[in-house]
């Protein structure tokens, strides 16, 4: 089972991903948590390049997809084959939102590359943490180049459009609420949609 966590920085997705990982582990499930980009030696090196250098949108996109391909091949597929629950802090929807809607790369191109990098594997369920921009800015002390001004607005709007297009897969959560309330929503959704005895 593959579960992804999506949203702009400050939305609380990483906190909830870590919390679900610990919860499932404590319940006796075999579970892994990875970040995208990252979590393999190659993908972590690519992540550092992405954070260190300013680059054109196409180069950026290709590096993200290369990192994802490494993660999927080295970690995700082997874990799924072993029957583990795999949690991903960001995945294909981040690239569609940030590089497609945010950096305005052709959405068809982004989706094709997502498909290639993942060998066509999509999450079974995706939690999208929807947060007003003003609240996101207050939650984060420093801005990165991926999270600035009008760009961030386009990314957030893109996420909402993606969620409307893929309602069967994506569950949009109000991330302005308290951590406990959001986590209960996640558990309830997993019980209902994936029949997990939690």
N, C-alpha and C. Protein backbone atom coordinates (compact mmCIF):
# COMPACT_ATOMS: atom_id res chain seq x y z
N UNK A 1 0.83 -1.18 0.00
CA UNK A 1 0.00 0.00 0.00
C UNK A 1 0.88 1.25 0.00
N UNK A 2 0.55 2.19 -0.86
CA UNK A 2 1.35 3.40 -1.04
C UNK A 2 0.50 4.61 -0.68
N UNK A 3 0.97 5.39 0.30
CA UNK A 3 0.24 6.57 0.78
C UNK A 3 1.16 7.78 0.69
N UNK A 4 0.69 8.84 0.04
CA UNK A 4 1.52 10.05 -0.09
C UNK A 4 0.90 11.22 0.66
N UNK A 5 1.77 12.14 1.06
CA UNK A 5 1.38 13.34 1.79
C UNK A 5 1.83 14.55 0.98
N UNK A 6 0.89 15.44 0.66
CA UNK A 6 1.18 16.57 -0.22
C UNK A 6 0.72 17.88 0.40
N UNK A 7 1.31 18.97 -0.06
CA UNK A 7 0.92 20.30 0.38
C UNK A 7 2.10 21.24 0.35
N UNK A 8 1.80 22.53 0.44
CA UNK A 8 2.87 23.53 0.46
C UNK A 8 3.60 23.44 1.80
N UNK A 9 4.81 23.98 1.85
CA UNK A 9 5.56 23.99 3.09
C UNK A 9 4.78 24.74 4.16
N UNK A 10 4.82 24.23 5.38
CA UNK A 10 4.07 24.83 6.47
C UNK A 10 2.70 24.24 6.66
N UNK A 11 2.32 23.32 5.77
CA UNK A 11 0.97 22.75 5.83
C UNK A 11 0.84 21.65 6.89
N UNK A 12 1.97 21.16 7.39
CA UNK A 12 1.93 20.12 8.42
C UNK A 12 1.99 18.70 7.90
N UNK A 13 2.21 18.54 6.59
CA UNK A 13 2.21 17.21 5.98
C UNK A 13 3.31 16.31 6.54
N UNK A 14 4.50 16.87 6.72
CA UNK A 14 5.62 16.05 7.20
C UNK A 14 5.39 15.59 8.64
N UNK A 15 4.83 16.47 9.45
CA UNK A 15 4.50 16.11 10.83
C UNK A 15 3.51 14.96 10.87
N UNK A 16 2.48 15.04 10.03
CA UNK A 16 1.46 13.99 10.01
C UNK A 16 1.99 12.69 9.42
N UNK A 17 2.88 12.79 8.43
CA UNK A 17 3.49 11.59 7.86
C UNK A 17 4.30 10.85 8.92
N UNK A 18 5.11 11.61 9.68
CA UNK A 18 5.90 11.00 10.75
C UNK A 18 5.00 10.40 11.83
N UNK A 19 3.94 11.10 12.12
CA UNK A 19 3.02 10.62 13.16
C UNK A 19 2.33 9.33 12.72
N UNK A 20 1.88 9.28 11.47
CA UNK A 20 1.24 8.06 10.98
C UNK A 20 2.23 6.90 10.93
N UNK A 21 3.47 7.21 10.54
CA UNK A 21 4.51 6.17 10.52
C UNK A 21 4.66 5.54 11.90
N UNK A 22 4.79 6.37 12.93
CA UNK A 22 4.97 5.86 14.29
C UNK A 22 3.74 5.10 14.76
N UNK A 23 2.58 5.62 14.43
CA UNK A 23 1.32 4.98 14.83
C UNK A 23 1.21 3.58 14.22
N UNK A 24 1.45 3.49 12.93
CA UNK A 24 1.35 2.19 12.24
C UNK A 24 2.39 1.21 12.77
N UNK A 25 3.59 1.74 13.04
CA UNK A 25 4.66 0.89 13.58
C UNK A 25 4.25 0.34 14.95
N UNK A 26 3.70 1.21 15.78
CA UNK A 26 3.26 0.80 17.12
C UNK A 26 2.12 -0.22 17.05
N UNK A 27 1.33 -0.15 15.97
CA UNK A 27 0.21 -1.08 15.78
C UNK A 27 0.67 -2.42 15.22
N UNK A 28 1.97 -2.52 14.92
CA UNK A 28 2.51 -3.78 14.44
C UNK A 28 2.59 -3.92 12.93
N UNK A 29 2.30 -2.84 12.21
CA UNK A 29 2.40 -2.88 10.75
C UNK A 29 3.86 -2.73 10.32
N UNK A 30 4.19 -3.33 9.20
CA UNK A 30 5.50 -3.12 8.58
C UNK A 30 5.36 -1.89 7.69
N UNK A 31 6.09 -0.85 8.02
CA UNK A 31 5.87 0.44 7.37
C UNK A 31 7.20 1.15 7.13
N UNK A 32 7.26 1.90 6.02
CA UNK A 32 8.43 2.71 5.69
C UNK A 32 7.98 4.14 5.45
N UNK A 33 8.86 5.09 5.72
CA UNK A 33 8.60 6.50 5.44
C UNK A 33 9.78 7.07 4.67
N UNK A 34 9.50 7.65 3.51
CA UNK A 34 10.54 8.24 2.67
C UNK A 34 10.16 9.66 2.28
N UNK A 35 11.18 10.47 1.98
CA UNK A 35 10.91 11.80 1.45
C UNK A 35 11.32 11.85 -0.01
N UNK A 36 10.56 12.63 -0.77
CA UNK A 36 10.80 12.76 -2.20
C UNK A 36 10.91 14.25 -2.53
N UNK A 37 12.09 14.70 -3.00
CA UNK A 37 13.27 13.92 -3.34
C UNK A 37 14.08 13.53 -2.10
N UNK A 38 14.76 12.40 -2.22
CA UNK A 38 15.63 11.95 -1.14
C UNK A 38 15.47 10.47 -0.86
N UNK A 39 16.06 10.07 0.26
CA UNK A 39 15.91 8.71 0.82
C UNK A 39 16.73 7.62 0.14
N UNK A 40 17.46 7.95 -0.92
CA UNK A 40 18.51 7.07 -1.44
C UNK A 40 19.77 7.93 -1.57
N UNK A 41 20.91 7.28 -1.68
CA UNK A 41 22.16 8.05 -1.78
C UNK A 41 22.12 8.99 -2.99
N UNK A 42 21.69 8.46 -4.13
CA UNK A 42 21.62 9.28 -5.34
C UNK A 42 20.59 10.39 -5.19
N UNK A 43 19.40 10.05 -4.70
CA UNK A 43 18.33 11.05 -4.58
C UNK A 43 18.69 12.15 -3.59
N UNK A 44 19.41 11.81 -2.52
CA UNK A 44 19.84 12.84 -1.56
C UNK A 44 20.86 13.78 -2.20
N UNK A 45 21.74 13.23 -3.04
CA UNK A 45 22.71 14.07 -3.75
C UNK A 45 21.99 15.03 -4.70
N UNK A 46 20.97 14.52 -5.39
CA UNK A 46 20.19 15.36 -6.29
C UNK A 46 19.45 16.43 -5.50
N UNK A 47 18.93 16.06 -4.35
CA UNK A 47 18.22 17.02 -3.49
C UNK A 47 19.13 18.19 -3.13
N UNK A 48 20.38 17.88 -2.80
CA UNK A 48 21.33 18.94 -2.46
C UNK A 48 21.58 19.86 -3.64
N UNK A 49 21.69 19.30 -4.83
CA UNK A 49 21.87 20.12 -6.04
C UNK A 49 20.68 21.04 -6.25
N UNK A 50 19.48 20.52 -6.06
CA UNK A 50 18.27 21.31 -6.25
C UNK A 50 18.19 22.47 -5.27
N UNK A 51 18.65 22.25 -4.06
CA UNK A 51 18.61 23.30 -3.04
C UNK A 51 19.75 24.30 -3.21
N UNK A 52 20.86 23.86 -3.78
CA UNK A 52 22.05 24.70 -3.87
C UNK A 52 22.05 25.62 -5.08
N UNK A 53 21.55 25.14 -6.21
CA UNK A 53 21.67 25.89 -7.46
C UNK A 53 20.33 26.41 -7.95
N UNK A 54 20.36 27.62 -8.51
CA UNK A 54 19.22 28.13 -9.26
C UNK A 54 19.36 27.59 -10.67
N UNK A 55 18.27 27.07 -11.21
CA UNK A 55 18.35 26.44 -12.53
C UNK A 55 17.07 26.69 -13.30
N UNK A 56 17.14 26.43 -14.59
CA UNK A 56 15.95 26.61 -15.41
C UNK A 56 14.92 25.54 -15.07
N UNK A 57 13.63 25.81 -15.33
CA UNK A 57 12.57 24.89 -14.94
C UNK A 57 12.71 23.47 -15.49
N UNK A 58 13.18 23.33 -16.72
CA UNK A 58 13.28 21.99 -17.31
C UNK A 58 14.36 21.16 -16.63
N UNK A 59 15.52 21.77 -16.37
CA UNK A 59 16.59 21.07 -15.66
C UNK A 59 16.10 20.64 -14.28
N UNK A 60 15.43 21.56 -13.61
CA UNK A 60 14.87 21.28 -12.29
C UNK A 60 13.91 20.08 -12.34
N UNK A 61 13.01 20.10 -13.30
CA UNK A 61 12.04 19.01 -13.45
C UNK A 61 12.73 17.67 -13.66
N UNK A 62 13.72 17.65 -14.54
CA UNK A 62 14.41 16.39 -14.85
C UNK A 62 15.16 15.85 -13.64
N UNK A 63 15.72 16.75 -12.84
CA UNK A 63 16.42 16.30 -11.62
C UNK A 63 15.43 15.72 -10.60
N UNK A 64 14.30 16.38 -10.43
CA UNK A 64 13.28 15.84 -9.53
C UNK A 64 12.86 14.44 -9.97
N UNK A 65 12.66 14.26 -11.27
CA UNK A 65 12.21 12.96 -11.77
C UNK A 65 13.31 11.90 -11.63
N UNK A 66 14.56 12.30 -11.82
CA UNK A 66 15.67 11.35 -11.64
C UNK A 66 15.74 10.89 -10.18
N UNK A 67 15.59 11.83 -9.26
CA UNK A 67 15.59 11.48 -7.84
C UNK A 67 14.43 10.54 -7.52
N UNK A 68 13.27 10.83 -8.08
CA UNK A 68 12.09 9.99 -7.83
C UNK A 68 12.28 8.58 -8.39
N UNK A 69 12.85 8.50 -9.57
CA UNK A 69 13.08 7.19 -10.18
C UNK A 69 13.98 6.34 -9.29
N UNK A 70 15.01 6.96 -8.74
CA UNK A 70 15.92 6.25 -7.83
C UNK A 70 15.18 5.77 -6.59
N UNK A 71 14.37 6.64 -6.02
CA UNK A 71 13.61 6.28 -4.82
C UNK A 71 12.64 5.13 -5.09
N UNK A 72 11.91 5.23 -6.18
CA UNK A 72 10.91 4.20 -6.51
C UNK A 72 11.58 2.85 -6.75
N UNK A 73 12.68 2.87 -7.51
CA UNK A 73 13.34 1.62 -7.87
C UNK A 73 14.07 0.98 -6.69
N UNK A 74 14.76 1.82 -5.88
CA UNK A 74 15.59 1.28 -4.81
C UNK A 74 14.82 1.00 -3.51
N UNK A 75 13.78 1.78 -3.25
CA UNK A 75 13.09 1.67 -1.96
C UNK A 75 11.61 1.28 -2.06
N UNK A 76 10.87 2.06 -2.85
CA UNK A 76 9.41 1.90 -2.86
C UNK A 76 8.98 0.53 -3.39
N UNK A 77 9.45 0.18 -4.57
CA UNK A 77 9.04 -1.11 -5.15
C UNK A 77 9.45 -2.31 -4.30
N UNK A 78 10.70 -2.36 -3.82
CA UNK A 78 11.06 -3.50 -2.96
C UNK A 78 10.20 -3.59 -1.70
N UNK A 79 9.90 -2.44 -1.09
CA UNK A 79 9.07 -2.45 0.13
C UNK A 79 7.65 -2.91 -0.16
N UNK A 80 7.08 -2.42 -1.26
CA UNK A 80 5.72 -2.85 -1.62
C UNK A 80 5.68 -4.34 -1.91
N UNK A 81 6.73 -4.83 -2.55
CA UNK A 81 6.80 -6.26 -2.86
C UNK A 81 6.84 -7.10 -1.59
N UNK A 82 7.46 -6.55 -0.54
CA UNK A 82 7.53 -7.25 0.75
C UNK A 82 6.25 -7.11 1.57
N UNK A 83 5.29 -6.35 1.04
CA UNK A 83 4.02 -6.18 1.74
C UNK A 83 3.99 -5.05 2.74
N UNK A 84 4.97 -4.17 2.68
CA UNK A 84 5.01 -3.04 3.61
C UNK A 84 4.04 -1.94 3.18
N UNK A 85 3.62 -1.14 4.15
CA UNK A 85 2.93 0.11 3.87
C UNK A 85 4.01 1.17 3.66
N UNK A 86 3.97 1.86 2.54
CA UNK A 86 4.98 2.87 2.23
C UNK A 86 4.34 4.26 2.30
N UNK A 87 4.92 5.12 3.14
CA UNK A 87 4.48 6.50 3.27
C UNK A 87 5.49 7.40 2.58
N UNK A 88 4.99 8.34 1.78
CA UNK A 88 5.86 9.25 1.05
C UNK A 88 5.55 10.70 1.39
N UNK A 89 6.57 11.40 1.87
CA UNK A 89 6.48 12.84 2.12
C UNK A 89 6.81 13.53 0.80
N UNK A 90 5.78 13.85 0.05
CA UNK A 90 5.79 14.36 -1.33
C UNK A 90 5.96 13.21 -2.32
N UNK A 91 5.33 13.42 -3.50
CA UNK A 91 5.48 12.45 -4.59
C UNK A 91 5.08 13.15 -5.89
N UNK A 92 4.41 12.45 -6.78
CA UNK A 92 4.15 12.99 -8.12
C UNK A 92 3.35 14.29 -8.12
N UNK A 93 2.43 14.45 -7.18
CA UNK A 93 1.60 15.65 -7.19
C UNK A 93 2.40 16.91 -6.87
N UNK A 94 3.48 16.76 -6.11
CA UNK A 94 4.36 17.92 -5.86
C UNK A 94 4.95 18.43 -7.16
N UNK A 95 5.39 17.51 -8.00
CA UNK A 95 6.00 17.92 -9.27
C UNK A 95 4.97 18.56 -10.19
N UNK A 96 3.78 18.00 -10.22
CA UNK A 96 2.72 18.60 -11.04
C UNK A 96 2.38 19.99 -10.54
N UNK A 97 2.29 20.16 -9.21
CA UNK A 97 1.93 21.45 -8.63
C UNK A 97 3.06 22.47 -8.75
N UNK A 98 4.26 22.09 -8.37
CA UNK A 98 5.39 23.03 -8.33
C UNK A 98 5.98 23.31 -9.72
N UNK A 99 6.30 22.24 -10.45
CA UNK A 99 6.93 22.45 -11.75
C UNK A 99 5.89 22.70 -12.85
N UNK A 100 4.74 22.02 -12.77
CA UNK A 100 3.71 22.21 -13.77
C UNK A 100 2.97 23.53 -13.60
N UNK A 101 2.25 23.65 -12.51
CA UNK A 101 1.48 24.88 -12.28
C UNK A 101 2.36 26.04 -11.83
N UNK A 102 3.32 25.78 -10.95
CA UNK A 102 4.16 26.86 -10.43
C UNK A 102 5.17 27.39 -11.44
N UNK A 103 5.91 26.49 -12.06
CA UNK A 103 6.95 26.89 -13.01
C UNK A 103 6.43 26.92 -14.45
N UNK A 104 5.17 26.55 -14.61
CA UNK A 104 4.46 26.64 -15.89
C UNK A 104 5.07 25.78 -17.00
N UNK A 105 5.57 24.61 -16.61
CA UNK A 105 5.99 23.61 -17.60
C UNK A 105 4.73 22.88 -18.08
N UNK A 106 4.69 22.53 -19.34
CA UNK A 106 3.55 21.85 -19.92
C UNK A 106 3.12 20.67 -19.04
N UNK A 107 1.85 20.67 -18.65
CA UNK A 107 1.36 19.64 -17.72
C UNK A 107 1.44 18.24 -18.32
N UNK A 108 1.23 18.13 -19.62
CA UNK A 108 1.36 16.83 -20.27
C UNK A 108 2.76 16.28 -20.15
N UNK A 109 3.75 17.16 -20.32
CA UNK A 109 5.15 16.75 -20.18
C UNK A 109 5.45 16.28 -18.76
N UNK A 110 4.97 17.04 -17.78
CA UNK A 110 5.20 16.69 -16.37
C UNK A 110 4.59 15.32 -16.07
N UNK A 111 3.38 15.10 -16.54
CA UNK A 111 2.70 13.84 -16.24
C UNK A 111 3.37 12.65 -16.92
N UNK A 112 3.87 12.86 -18.12
CA UNK A 112 4.60 11.78 -18.81
C UNK A 112 5.86 11.41 -18.02
N UNK A 113 6.60 12.43 -17.58
CA UNK A 113 7.83 12.17 -16.83
C UNK A 113 7.52 11.55 -15.47
N UNK A 114 6.44 12.00 -14.83
CA UNK A 114 6.01 11.35 -13.58
C UNK A 114 5.76 9.87 -13.81
N UNK A 115 5.08 9.57 -14.90
CA UNK A 115 4.74 8.18 -15.23
C UNK A 115 6.00 7.35 -15.47
N UNK A 116 6.97 7.93 -16.17
CA UNK A 116 8.22 7.22 -16.44
C UNK A 116 8.98 6.97 -15.13
N UNK A 117 9.10 8.00 -14.30
CA UNK A 117 9.87 7.88 -13.06
C UNK A 117 9.27 6.88 -12.08
N UNK A 118 7.95 6.76 -12.09
CA UNK A 118 7.27 5.87 -11.14
C UNK A 118 6.89 4.53 -11.75
N UNK A 119 7.25 4.35 -13.03
CA UNK A 119 6.82 3.16 -13.78
C UNK A 119 5.30 3.02 -13.74
N UNK A 120 4.63 4.17 -13.68
CA UNK A 120 3.17 4.20 -13.71
C UNK A 120 2.49 3.97 -12.38
N UNK A 121 3.27 3.84 -11.30
CA UNK A 121 2.67 3.56 -9.98
C UNK A 121 2.23 4.85 -9.30
N UNK A 122 0.95 4.95 -9.04
CA UNK A 122 0.41 6.09 -8.29
C UNK A 122 0.11 5.65 -6.86
N UNK A 123 0.01 6.61 -5.94
CA UNK A 123 -0.38 6.24 -4.57
C UNK A 123 -1.78 5.65 -4.54
N UNK A 124 -2.02 4.79 -3.57
CA UNK A 124 -3.37 4.28 -3.35
C UNK A 124 -4.26 5.37 -2.77
N UNK A 125 -3.65 6.21 -1.96
CA UNK A 125 -4.37 7.35 -1.41
C UNK A 125 -3.37 8.48 -1.16
N UNK A 126 -3.82 9.70 -1.38
CA UNK A 126 -2.98 10.88 -1.17
C UNK A 126 -3.72 11.84 -0.25
N UNK A 127 -3.03 12.28 0.80
CA UNK A 127 -3.58 13.30 1.68
C UNK A 127 -2.99 14.66 1.28
N UNK A 128 -3.86 15.57 0.88
CA UNK A 128 -3.45 16.91 0.50
C UNK A 128 -3.80 17.87 1.62
N UNK A 129 -2.78 18.50 2.19
CA UNK A 129 -2.96 19.42 3.31
C UNK A 129 -3.14 20.83 2.75
N UNK A 130 -4.37 21.29 2.76
CA UNK A 130 -4.72 22.57 2.17
C UNK A 130 -4.66 23.66 3.24
N UNK A 131 -3.83 24.66 2.99
CA UNK A 131 -3.59 25.71 3.97
C UNK A 131 -3.60 27.07 3.29
N UNK A 132 -4.30 28.07 3.87
CA UNK A 132 -4.24 29.42 3.31
C UNK A 132 -2.80 29.93 3.29
N UNK A 133 -2.45 30.69 2.25
CA UNK A 133 -1.07 31.15 2.10
C UNK A 133 -0.61 31.98 3.28
N UNK A 134 -1.49 32.82 3.80
CA UNK A 134 -1.11 33.70 4.91
C UNK A 134 -0.69 32.88 6.13
N UNK A 135 -1.42 31.82 6.38
CA UNK A 135 -1.10 30.96 7.53
C UNK A 135 0.19 30.18 7.28
N UNK A 136 0.39 29.76 6.04
CA UNK A 136 1.64 29.05 5.70
C UNK A 136 2.84 29.95 5.93
N UNK A 137 2.73 31.22 5.53
CA UNK A 137 3.84 32.16 5.72
C UNK A 137 4.12 32.39 7.20
N UNK A 138 3.07 32.41 8.01
CA UNK A 138 3.28 32.62 9.45
C UNK A 138 3.95 31.41 10.10
N UNK A 139 3.66 30.23 9.56
CA UNK A 139 4.21 29.01 10.16
C UNK A 139 5.69 28.80 9.83
N UNK A 140 6.14 29.40 8.76
CA UNK A 140 7.52 29.18 8.32
C UNK A 140 8.32 30.46 8.48
N UNK A 141 9.46 30.35 9.11
CA UNK A 141 10.28 31.54 9.36
C UNK A 141 10.99 32.02 8.11
N UNK A 142 11.53 31.11 7.33
CA UNK A 142 12.30 31.51 6.16
C UNK A 142 11.66 30.98 4.89
N UNK A 143 11.81 31.72 3.82
CA UNK A 143 11.25 31.32 2.53
C UNK A 143 12.35 30.74 1.67
N UNK A 144 12.05 29.66 0.97
CA UNK A 144 12.97 29.15 -0.03
C UNK A 144 12.48 29.61 -1.39
N UNK A 145 13.30 29.43 -2.40
CA UNK A 145 12.91 29.89 -3.73
C UNK A 145 11.73 29.10 -4.27
N UNK A 146 11.47 27.92 -3.70
CA UNK A 146 10.32 27.14 -4.14
C UNK A 146 9.03 27.62 -3.48
N UNK A 147 9.12 28.56 -2.55
CA UNK A 147 7.95 28.93 -1.76
C UNK A 147 7.76 30.45 -1.71
N UNK A 148 7.93 31.14 -2.81
CA UNK A 148 7.87 32.60 -2.79
C UNK A 148 6.64 33.14 -3.50
N UNK A 149 6.04 34.16 -2.85
CA UNK A 149 5.03 35.02 -3.45
C UNK A 149 3.99 34.40 -4.34
N UNK A 150 3.87 34.97 -5.54
CA UNK A 150 2.86 34.55 -6.50
C UNK A 150 3.08 33.11 -6.93
N UNK A 151 4.33 32.69 -6.94
CA UNK A 151 4.65 31.30 -7.29
C UNK A 151 3.93 30.34 -6.36
N UNK A 152 3.99 30.62 -5.07
CA UNK A 152 3.34 29.75 -4.08
C UNK A 152 1.83 29.73 -4.28
N UNK A 153 1.27 30.85 -4.66
CA UNK A 153 -0.17 30.90 -4.93
C UNK A 153 -0.54 29.98 -6.10
N UNK A 154 0.28 30.02 -7.14
CA UNK A 154 0.03 29.15 -8.30
C UNK A 154 0.15 27.68 -7.92
N UNK A 155 1.11 27.38 -7.06
CA UNK A 155 1.30 26.00 -6.60
C UNK A 155 0.09 25.53 -5.81
N UNK A 156 -0.36 26.35 -4.88
CA UNK A 156 -1.53 25.98 -4.06
C UNK A 156 -2.76 25.80 -4.93
N UNK A 157 -2.98 26.72 -5.86
CA UNK A 157 -4.12 26.60 -6.77
C UNK A 157 -4.00 25.32 -7.61
N UNK A 158 -2.76 25.00 -8.01
CA UNK A 158 -2.53 23.79 -8.78
C UNK A 158 -2.89 22.54 -8.00
N UNK A 159 -2.50 22.52 -6.73
CA UNK A 159 -2.84 21.38 -5.87
C UNK A 159 -4.35 21.17 -5.81
N UNK A 160 -5.09 22.26 -5.68
CA UNK A 160 -6.55 22.17 -5.58
C UNK A 160 -7.14 21.62 -6.88
N UNK A 161 -6.61 22.06 -8.01
CA UNK A 161 -7.07 21.54 -9.30
C UNK A 161 -6.79 20.05 -9.44
N UNK A 162 -5.59 19.64 -9.01
CA UNK A 162 -5.23 18.22 -9.06
C UNK A 162 -6.20 17.40 -8.20
N UNK A 163 -6.51 17.92 -7.01
CA UNK A 163 -7.41 17.21 -6.10
C UNK A 163 -8.80 17.04 -6.72
N UNK A 164 -9.26 18.06 -7.43
CA UNK A 164 -10.58 17.97 -8.07
C UNK A 164 -10.56 16.97 -9.23
N UNK A 165 -9.42 16.87 -9.91
CA UNK A 165 -9.30 15.93 -11.03
C UNK A 165 -9.23 14.48 -10.56
N UNK A 166 -8.66 14.27 -9.37
CA UNK A 166 -8.44 12.89 -8.89
C UNK A 166 -9.08 12.68 -7.52
N UNK A 167 -10.37 12.88 -7.48
CA UNK A 167 -11.09 12.80 -6.20
C UNK A 167 -11.09 11.41 -5.59
N UNK A 168 -10.98 10.40 -6.42
CA UNK A 168 -10.96 9.03 -5.90
C UNK A 168 -9.69 8.75 -5.10
N UNK A 169 -8.60 9.40 -5.49
CA UNK A 169 -7.30 9.14 -4.85
C UNK A 169 -6.95 10.18 -3.79
N UNK A 170 -7.29 11.42 -4.04
CA UNK A 170 -6.81 12.52 -3.19
C UNK A 170 -7.87 12.96 -2.19
N UNK A 171 -7.47 13.00 -0.93
CA UNK A 171 -8.33 13.49 0.15
C UNK A 171 -7.76 14.83 0.61
N UNK A 172 -8.55 15.89 0.45
CA UNK A 172 -8.08 17.22 0.84
C UNK A 172 -8.47 17.48 2.29
N UNK A 173 -7.47 17.85 3.08
CA UNK A 173 -7.67 18.10 4.51
C UNK A 173 -7.48 19.58 4.81
N UNK A 174 -8.29 20.11 5.69
CA UNK A 174 -8.14 21.49 6.14
C UNK A 174 -6.98 21.55 7.13
N UNK A 175 -5.84 22.04 6.64
CA UNK A 175 -4.61 22.02 7.44
C UNK A 175 -4.51 23.17 8.43
N UNK A 176 -5.54 24.01 8.49
CA UNK A 176 -5.53 25.11 9.46
C UNK A 176 -6.01 24.64 10.83
N UNK A 177 -6.50 23.41 10.90
CA UNK A 177 -7.00 22.87 12.17
C UNK A 177 -5.86 22.33 13.03
N UNK A 178 -6.22 21.86 14.20
CA UNK A 178 -5.22 21.32 15.12
C UNK A 178 -4.67 19.99 14.65
N UNK A 179 -3.46 19.69 15.09
CA UNK A 179 -2.76 18.47 14.67
C UNK A 179 -3.54 17.21 15.02
N UNK A 180 -4.13 17.17 16.21
CA UNK A 180 -4.86 15.98 16.65
C UNK A 180 -6.10 15.74 15.79
N UNK A 181 -6.82 16.80 15.49
CA UNK A 181 -8.04 16.69 14.68
C UNK A 181 -7.72 16.19 13.27
N UNK A 182 -6.64 16.70 12.72
CA UNK A 182 -6.23 16.27 11.37
C UNK A 182 -5.83 14.80 11.38
N UNK A 183 -5.09 14.39 12.40
CA UNK A 183 -4.65 13.00 12.47
C UNK A 183 -5.84 12.05 12.59
N UNK A 184 -6.85 12.44 13.35
CA UNK A 184 -8.05 11.61 13.46
C UNK A 184 -8.75 11.48 12.11
N UNK A 185 -8.74 12.55 11.32
CA UNK A 185 -9.31 12.50 9.97
C UNK A 185 -8.55 11.50 9.09
N UNK A 186 -7.22 11.51 9.23
CA UNK A 186 -6.39 10.59 8.45
C UNK A 186 -6.72 9.14 8.80
N UNK A 187 -6.78 8.85 10.09
CA UNK A 187 -7.09 7.48 10.52
C UNK A 187 -8.48 7.06 10.06
N UNK A 188 -9.44 7.96 10.18
CA UNK A 188 -10.80 7.65 9.75
C UNK A 188 -10.85 7.35 8.25
N UNK A 189 -10.13 8.14 7.48
CA UNK A 189 -10.10 7.94 6.03
C UNK A 189 -9.48 6.60 5.67
N UNK A 190 -8.39 6.24 6.35
CA UNK A 190 -7.73 4.96 6.08
C UNK A 190 -8.63 3.78 6.44
N UNK A 191 -9.39 3.93 7.52
CA UNK A 191 -10.34 2.87 7.90
C UNK A 191 -11.41 2.71 6.83
N UNK A 192 -11.93 3.83 6.38
CA UNK A 192 -13.07 3.79 5.44
C UNK A 192 -12.65 3.39 4.03
N UNK A 193 -11.57 3.99 3.55
CA UNK A 193 -11.20 3.81 2.14
C UNK A 193 -10.36 2.57 1.89
N UNK A 194 -9.48 2.27 2.82
CA UNK A 194 -8.56 1.16 2.61
C UNK A 194 -8.82 -0.02 3.53
N UNK A 195 -9.86 0.11 4.34
CA UNK A 195 -10.26 -0.96 5.27
C UNK A 195 -9.12 -1.39 6.19
N UNK A 196 -8.32 -0.41 6.61
CA UNK A 196 -7.25 -0.72 7.56
C UNK A 196 -7.83 -0.78 8.97
N UNK A 197 -7.58 -1.85 9.71
CA UNK A 197 -8.07 -1.93 11.09
C UNK A 197 -7.19 -1.12 12.03
N UNK A 198 -7.51 0.16 12.16
CA UNK A 198 -6.69 1.06 12.98
C UNK A 198 -7.43 1.45 14.25
